[in-house]
């Protein structure tokens, strides 16, 4: 499971939302083995006065937050980060200097999904990679 939030300027996200979503989800499939139909993305589109960022970033600057079940190795998470950078630049045209990625890991017991606690779910993919 991965819940994704992407923060950025409204103008950037409106223009790139579809290609950005594909880049992120393809990265999750490749790094984590998520099923193709498990796409949970939210876009937080901000006006310039609501999204302050350093001067060395462009208007394409985005922050990607991923909430995931704990259990994946540091190597697997690093692979995901590298894939997101590469695929986002390649597919959405956003330079790596304009992308920040934050991964939040929580115990499956802290999730509620389809009416049950997450640690009672039967998954069709492995999170211990």
Protein backbone atom coordinates (compact mmCIF):
# COMPACT_ATOMS: atom_id res chain seq x y z
CA UNK A 1 0.00 0.00 0.00
CA UNK A 2 1.14 3.50 -0.77
CA UNK A 3 -0.87 6.67 -0.39
CA UNK A 4 0.70 9.50 -2.39
CA UNK A 5 0.31 13.26 -1.96
CA UNK A 6 1.88 15.69 -4.39
CA UNK A 7 2.19 19.36 -3.48
CA UNK A 8 2.97 22.00 -6.07
CA UNK A 9 1.81 25.10 -7.84
CA UNK A 10 -1.63 24.74 -9.36
CA UNK A 11 -0.29 25.66 -12.82
CA UNK A 12 2.39 22.95 -12.66
CA UNK A 13 0.16 20.18 -11.32
CA UNK A 14 -2.72 20.88 -13.70
CA UNK A 15 -0.38 20.62 -16.67
CA UNK A 16 1.54 17.55 -15.46
CA UNK A 17 -0.82 15.63 -13.18
CA UNK A 18 -1.41 12.69 -15.53
CA UNK A 19 2.21 12.13 -16.56
CA UNK A 20 3.38 12.68 -12.98
CA UNK A 21 0.91 10.13 -11.67
CA UNK A 22 2.10 7.58 -14.22
CA UNK A 23 5.75 8.21 -13.36
CA UNK A 24 5.14 7.80 -9.62
CA UNK A 25 2.93 4.74 -9.96
CA UNK A 26 5.26 3.01 -12.44
CA UNK A 27 8.07 3.60 -9.91
CA UNK A 28 6.00 2.03 -7.12
CA UNK A 29 5.21 -0.97 -9.29
CA UNK A 30 8.86 -1.49 -10.20
CA UNK A 31 10.39 -0.86 -6.76
CA UNK A 32 7.69 -2.21 -4.43
CA UNK A 33 5.83 -4.65 -6.67
CA UNK A 34 2.52 -2.87 -6.15
CA UNK A 35 -0.31 -4.07 -8.36
CA UNK A 36 -1.12 -1.76 -11.28
CA UNK A 37 -4.68 -1.20 -9.97
CA UNK A 38 -3.52 0.11 -6.55
CA UNK A 39 -3.12 3.80 -7.43
CA UNK A 40 -3.97 6.21 -4.60
CA UNK A 41 -2.79 9.73 -5.51
CA UNK A 42 -3.91 13.14 -4.29
CA UNK A 43 -2.79 16.47 -5.69
CA UNK A 44 -2.61 19.52 -3.45
CA UNK A 45 -2.64 22.44 -5.88
CA UNK A 46 -1.45 25.66 -4.36
CA UNK A 47 -1.47 29.27 -5.46
CA UNK A 48 1.93 31.03 -5.48
CA UNK A 49 1.22 32.85 -2.22
CA UNK A 50 0.49 29.50 -0.52
CA UNK A 51 3.58 27.60 -1.72
CA UNK A 52 6.88 29.10 -0.69
CA UNK A 53 10.09 27.44 -1.80
CA UNK A 54 13.79 28.34 -2.12
CA UNK A 55 14.90 30.65 -4.92
CA UNK A 56 17.07 27.94 -6.45
CA UNK A 57 13.94 25.94 -7.36
CA UNK A 58 11.71 26.67 -10.33
CA UNK A 59 7.93 26.96 -10.64
CA UNK A 60 7.99 23.21 -11.39
CA UNK A 61 9.05 22.48 -7.77
CA UNK A 62 7.00 19.67 -6.18
CA UNK A 63 6.97 17.73 -2.94
CA UNK A 64 5.98 14.06 -3.10
CA UNK A 65 4.90 12.44 0.17
CA UNK A 66 4.37 8.69 0.32
CA UNK A 67 2.69 6.97 3.26
CA UNK A 68 3.56 3.27 3.17
CA UNK A 69 3.33 0.15 5.30
CA UNK A 70 6.56 -0.40 7.20
CA UNK A 71 8.71 -3.37 6.32
CA UNK A 72 10.62 -2.52 3.18
CA UNK A 73 14.40 -2.45 3.25
CA UNK A 74 16.40 0.79 2.95
CA UNK A 75 17.68 -0.47 -0.41
CA UNK A 76 14.13 -0.91 -1.72
CA UNK A 77 13.14 2.60 -0.57
CA UNK A 78 16.28 4.07 -2.17
CA UNK A 79 15.40 2.26 -5.40
CA UNK A 80 11.94 3.84 -5.28
CA UNK A 81 13.37 7.32 -4.74
CA UNK A 82 15.80 6.96 -7.65
CA UNK A 83 13.06 5.64 -9.92
CA UNK A 84 10.71 8.50 -9.05
CA UNK A 85 13.45 11.03 -9.85
CA UNK A 86 14.28 9.38 -13.17
CA UNK A 87 10.73 8.70 -14.34
CA UNK A 88 9.43 12.10 -13.27
CA UNK A 89 12.14 13.91 -15.17
CA UNK A 90 11.76 11.64 -18.20
CA UNK A 91 7.94 11.54 -18.35
CA UNK A 92 6.82 14.81 -16.76
CA UNK A 93 9.84 16.98 -17.57
CA UNK A 94 10.41 18.03 -13.96
CA UNK A 95 14.11 18.31 -13.13
CA UNK A 96 15.39 16.37 -10.13
CA UNK A 97 16.44 19.58 -8.37
CA UNK A 98 12.73 20.51 -8.35
CA UNK A 99 11.57 17.27 -6.70
CA UNK A 100 11.58 16.43 -3.01
CA UNK A 101 10.43 13.03 -1.81
CA UNK A 102 9.44 12.07 1.73
CA UNK A 103 8.50 8.56 2.78
CA UNK A 104 6.44 8.04 5.93
CA UNK A 105 6.31 4.45 7.19
CA UNK A 106 3.73 3.25 9.67
CA UNK A 107 2.73 -0.08 11.10
CA UNK A 108 -0.08 -1.82 9.24
CA UNK A 109 -2.04 -1.75 12.52
CA UNK A 110 -2.23 2.05 12.13
CA UNK A 111 -4.17 1.81 8.86
CA UNK A 112 -7.87 1.15 8.36
CA UNK A 113 -8.69 -0.25 4.92
CA UNK A 114 -11.94 -1.74 3.58
CA UNK A 115 -13.43 -1.99 7.07
CA UNK A 116 -10.54 -3.72 8.84
CA UNK A 117 -7.25 -2.75 10.49
CA UNK A 118 -4.41 -2.94 7.98
CA UNK A 119 -2.65 -5.76 9.81
CA UNK A 120 -5.71 -7.96 9.18
CA UNK A 121 -5.61 -7.44 5.41
CA UNK A 122 -4.67 -10.19 3.02
CA UNK A 123 -2.46 -8.60 0.38
CA UNK A 124 -1.63 -9.89 -3.08
CA UNK A 125 1.89 -8.39 -2.94
CA UNK A 126 4.85 -8.56 -0.58
CA UNK A 127 5.89 -5.66 1.67
CA UNK A 128 8.98 -7.37 3.11
CA UNK A 129 11.31 -6.50 0.24
